[in-house]
Every structure is written in structure tokens, then in C-alpha cells.
Amino acid sequence: MKLDIISPEKKLYQGDAELVTLPGMQGLFTVLENHAPIISGLNKGQVVYRTGGQDTVLPVNGGFVEVKNNEITVCVE
């Protein structure tokens, strides 16, 4: 999957990801390949993405995510 994580100041990550776990408004959820399209607000928490079998943790204060056609765009504060 293609993952873009952006903030108002800069692009935090752009590349491939095996999975992404996000702090959704109704709890944590994980996006895997071929996930159904979704748009969700994000609460304060951690975005975790896996590349090459290694997890990266990014603390966030909120934002939103769009998932469509194996492309994930995360806008964070």
C-alpha cells in the first residue's frame, strides 16, 4: 500500500506500508491491503505503520485519514 503522512508543516512519511494502525474517533483500527474505502477523524494517540517488518510509531494530536484503492493519506496535527 502507498502511505502519505502529512502535517501542516511538512511531509512526515511517503512510501510503502504493510499495515497502518490509527487512533480513530471510535477506537483503534488497522488498515491492511485491499481495505474498504473509508474517511475517518483521528483522536490524539499514535499512528503505527509497518515497513519491511519494522513498526514506526508517530504520536499525533488528531487529524483525519482517507483510504482508497490501497492509498492511505493521513493528515495529522
N, C-alpha and C. Protein backbone atom coordinates (compact mmCIF):
# COMPACT_ATOMS: atom_id res chain seq x y z
N MET A 1 0.84 -1.17 0.00
CA MET A 1 0.00 0.00 0.00
C MET A 1 0.88 1.24 0.00
N LYS A 2 0.37 2.31 -0.55
CA LYS A 2 1.07 3.59 -0.54
C LYS A 2 0.56 4.40 0.65
N LEU A 3 1.48 4.98 1.41
CA LEU A 3 1.14 5.75 2.59
C LEU A 3 1.78 7.12 2.52
N ASP A 4 0.95 8.15 2.75
CA ASP A 4 1.42 9.52 2.89
C ASP A 4 0.96 10.02 4.25
N ILE A 5 1.88 10.54 5.05
CA ILE A 5 1.55 11.17 6.32
C ILE A 5 2.04 12.59 6.25
N ILE A 6 1.11 13.54 6.38
CA ILE A 6 1.47 14.95 6.25
C ILE A 6 0.95 15.73 7.46
N SER A 7 1.68 16.80 7.78
CA SER A 7 1.26 17.74 8.80
C SER A 7 1.22 19.11 8.13
N PRO A 8 0.70 20.13 8.81
CA PRO A 8 0.70 21.46 8.20
C PRO A 8 2.11 21.97 7.88
N GLU A 9 3.11 21.49 8.61
CA GLU A 9 4.47 21.97 8.41
C GLU A 9 5.26 21.22 7.35
N LYS A 10 5.04 19.89 7.25
CA LYS A 10 5.88 19.10 6.35
C LYS A 10 5.29 17.72 6.10
N LYS A 11 5.89 17.03 5.13
CA LYS A 11 5.55 15.64 4.86
C LYS A 11 6.36 14.78 5.82
N LEU A 12 5.67 13.96 6.61
CA LEU A 12 6.35 13.15 7.63
C LEU A 12 6.78 11.79 7.10
N TYR A 13 6.02 11.25 6.15
CA TYR A 13 6.40 9.96 5.55
C TYR A 13 5.69 9.82 4.21
N GLN A 14 6.41 9.27 3.25
CA GLN A 14 5.83 8.91 1.95
C GLN A 14 6.51 7.64 1.50
N GLY A 15 5.71 6.59 1.28
CA GLY A 15 6.29 5.33 0.85
C GLY A 15 5.31 4.20 1.02
N ASP A 16 5.84 2.98 1.00
CA ASP A 16 5.02 1.80 1.14
C ASP A 16 4.83 1.44 2.60
N ALA A 17 3.73 0.75 2.88
CA ALA A 17 3.45 0.25 4.23
C ALA A 17 2.72 -1.07 4.12
N GLU A 18 3.03 -1.97 5.03
CA GLU A 18 2.36 -3.27 5.07
C GLU A 18 1.05 -3.19 5.84
N LEU A 19 1.03 -2.35 6.87
CA LEU A 19 -0.19 -2.09 7.64
C LEU A 19 -0.05 -0.75 8.33
N VAL A 20 -1.20 -0.16 8.67
CA VAL A 20 -1.22 1.12 9.38
C VAL A 20 -2.30 1.02 10.45
N THR A 21 -1.93 1.32 11.70
CA THR A 21 -2.89 1.35 12.80
C THR A 21 -3.08 2.80 13.22
N LEU A 22 -4.36 3.20 13.35
CA LEU A 22 -4.71 4.60 13.57
C LEU A 22 -5.64 4.76 14.76
N PRO A 23 -5.54 5.91 15.47
CA PRO A 23 -6.44 6.18 16.60
C PRO A 23 -7.74 6.84 16.13
N GLY A 24 -8.66 6.04 15.62
CA GLY A 24 -9.92 6.57 15.10
C GLY A 24 -10.80 7.15 16.19
N MET A 25 -11.83 7.87 15.78
CA MET A 25 -12.74 8.52 16.72
C MET A 25 -13.48 7.51 17.60
N GLN A 26 -13.64 6.29 17.11
CA GLN A 26 -14.34 5.26 17.89
C GLN A 26 -13.39 4.14 18.31
N GLY A 27 -12.10 4.43 18.34
CA GLY A 27 -11.11 3.45 18.77
C GLY A 27 -10.07 3.16 17.71
N LEU A 28 -9.09 2.37 18.09
CA LEU A 28 -8.02 2.00 17.17
C LEU A 28 -8.56 1.12 16.04
N PHE A 29 -8.01 1.31 14.84
CA PHE A 29 -8.31 0.40 13.74
C PHE A 29 -7.08 0.26 12.87
N THR A 30 -6.98 -0.88 12.21
CA THR A 30 -5.83 -1.20 11.37
C THR A 30 -6.27 -1.32 9.92
N VAL A 31 -5.49 -0.74 9.04
CA VAL A 31 -5.73 -0.80 7.60
C VAL A 31 -4.72 -1.77 7.00
N LEU A 32 -5.24 -2.77 6.29
CA LEU A 32 -4.42 -3.72 5.56
C LEU A 32 -4.69 -3.55 4.07
N GLU A 33 -3.93 -4.24 3.25
CA GLU A 33 -4.12 -4.16 1.80
C GLU A 33 -5.55 -4.52 1.43
N ASN A 34 -6.10 -3.83 0.44
CA ASN A 34 -7.46 -4.00 -0.08
C ASN A 34 -8.55 -3.65 0.93
N HIS A 35 -8.24 -2.75 1.88
CA HIS A 35 -9.23 -2.28 2.84
C HIS A 35 -10.32 -1.51 2.10
N ALA A 36 -11.53 -1.59 2.59
CA ALA A 36 -12.64 -0.83 2.01
C ALA A 36 -12.35 0.67 2.12
N PRO A 37 -12.86 1.46 1.18
CA PRO A 37 -12.66 2.91 1.27
C PRO A 37 -13.26 3.46 2.57
N ILE A 38 -12.54 4.42 3.17
CA ILE A 38 -13.00 5.00 4.43
C ILE A 38 -12.39 6.38 4.59
N ILE A 39 -13.15 7.25 5.24
CA ILE A 39 -12.63 8.54 5.72
C ILE A 39 -12.98 8.58 7.19
N SER A 40 -12.00 8.92 8.04
CA SER A 40 -12.24 8.93 9.48
C SER A 40 -11.45 10.06 10.13
N GLY A 41 -12.03 10.63 11.16
CA GLY A 41 -11.31 11.56 12.02
C GLY A 41 -10.40 10.78 12.93
N LEU A 42 -9.34 11.43 13.40
CA LEU A 42 -8.39 10.78 14.30
C LEU A 42 -8.34 11.52 15.63
N ASN A 43 -8.25 10.77 16.70
CA ASN A 43 -8.07 11.31 18.04
C ASN A 43 -6.58 11.43 18.35
N LYS A 44 -6.28 12.01 19.48
CA LYS A 44 -4.90 12.03 19.97
C LYS A 44 -4.48 10.59 20.25
N GLY A 45 -3.28 10.24 19.83
CA GLY A 45 -2.79 8.88 20.04
C GLY A 45 -1.55 8.64 19.20
N GLN A 46 -1.45 7.42 18.67
CA GLN A 46 -0.28 7.04 17.88
C GLN A 46 -0.70 6.44 16.55
N VAL A 47 -0.03 6.86 15.50
CA VAL A 47 -0.13 6.20 14.20
C VAL A 47 1.06 5.24 14.14
N VAL A 48 0.77 3.98 13.87
CA VAL A 48 1.82 2.96 13.76
C VAL A 48 1.77 2.41 12.34
N TYR A 49 2.91 2.46 11.65
CA TYR A 49 2.96 1.88 10.31
C TYR A 49 4.14 0.92 10.22
N ARG A 50 3.94 -0.16 9.45
CA ARG A 50 4.95 -1.21 9.32
C ARG A 50 5.52 -1.20 7.92
N THR A 51 6.85 -1.13 7.86
CA THR A 51 7.57 -1.22 6.59
C THR A 51 8.73 -2.18 6.78
N GLY A 52 8.87 -3.12 5.87
CA GLY A 52 9.96 -4.10 5.97
C GLY A 52 9.93 -4.89 7.26
N GLY A 53 8.73 -5.12 7.82
CA GLY A 53 8.60 -5.89 9.05
C GLY A 53 8.89 -5.11 10.31
N GLN A 54 9.21 -3.82 10.18
CA GLN A 54 9.54 -2.99 11.34
C GLN A 54 8.48 -1.91 11.53
N ASP A 55 8.01 -1.76 12.78
CA ASP A 55 6.99 -0.76 13.09
C ASP A 55 7.62 0.59 13.42
N THR A 56 6.99 1.64 12.95
CA THR A 56 7.36 3.01 13.29
C THR A 56 6.16 3.64 13.99
N VAL A 57 6.41 4.30 15.12
CA VAL A 57 5.34 4.92 15.91
C VAL A 57 5.46 6.43 15.79
N LEU A 58 4.33 7.07 15.48
CA LEU A 58 4.29 8.52 15.32
C LEU A 58 3.18 9.07 16.21
N PRO A 59 3.52 9.82 17.27
CA PRO A 59 2.48 10.41 18.11
C PRO A 59 1.75 11.53 17.36
N VAL A 60 0.43 11.59 17.51
CA VAL A 60 -0.38 12.61 16.84
C VAL A 60 -1.36 13.22 17.83
N ASN A 61 -1.77 14.45 17.54
CA ASN A 61 -2.75 15.15 18.37
C ASN A 61 -4.14 15.16 17.74
N GLY A 62 -4.31 14.44 16.65
CA GLY A 62 -5.58 14.40 15.95
C GLY A 62 -5.34 14.54 14.46
N GLY A 63 -6.42 14.54 13.70
CA GLY A 63 -6.32 14.69 12.25
C GLY A 63 -7.40 13.88 11.57
N PHE A 64 -7.10 13.43 10.35
CA PHE A 64 -8.04 12.57 9.63
C PHE A 64 -7.27 11.67 8.66
N VAL A 65 -7.96 10.63 8.19
CA VAL A 65 -7.36 9.68 7.27
C VAL A 65 -8.34 9.37 6.15
N GLU A 66 -7.81 9.17 4.96
CA GLU A 66 -8.60 8.69 3.82
C GLU A 66 -7.91 7.45 3.26
N VAL A 67 -8.69 6.39 3.08
CA VAL A 67 -8.19 5.14 2.49
C VAL A 67 -9.00 4.88 1.23
N LYS A 68 -8.29 4.68 0.12
CA LYS A 68 -8.98 4.40 -1.15
C LYS A 68 -7.99 3.77 -2.11
N ASN A 69 -8.36 2.63 -2.69
CA ASN A 69 -7.54 1.97 -3.72
C ASN A 69 -6.11 1.70 -3.26
N ASN A 70 -5.96 1.19 -2.04
CA ASN A 70 -4.64 0.87 -1.46
C ASN A 70 -3.74 2.09 -1.33
N GLU A 71 -4.35 3.28 -1.24
CA GLU A 71 -3.61 4.51 -0.96
C GLU A 71 -4.17 5.11 0.31
N ILE A 72 -3.29 5.39 1.26
CA ILE A 72 -3.68 5.93 2.56
C ILE A 72 -3.07 7.30 2.70
N THR A 73 -3.91 8.29 2.96
CA THR A 73 -3.45 9.65 3.22
C THR A 73 -3.85 10.01 4.63
N VAL A 74 -2.85 10.34 5.45
CA VAL A 74 -3.08 10.70 6.84
C VAL A 74 -2.64 12.15 7.03
N CYS A 75 -3.57 13.00 7.46
CA CYS A 75 -3.26 14.39 7.77
C CYS A 75 -3.31 14.53 9.29
N VAL A 76 -2.21 14.95 9.89
CA VAL A 76 -2.11 14.96 11.35
C VAL A 76 -1.76 16.35 11.85
N GLU A 77 -2.08 16.58 13.13
CA GLU A 77 -1.72 17.83 13.80
C GLU A 77 -0.48 17.61 14.63
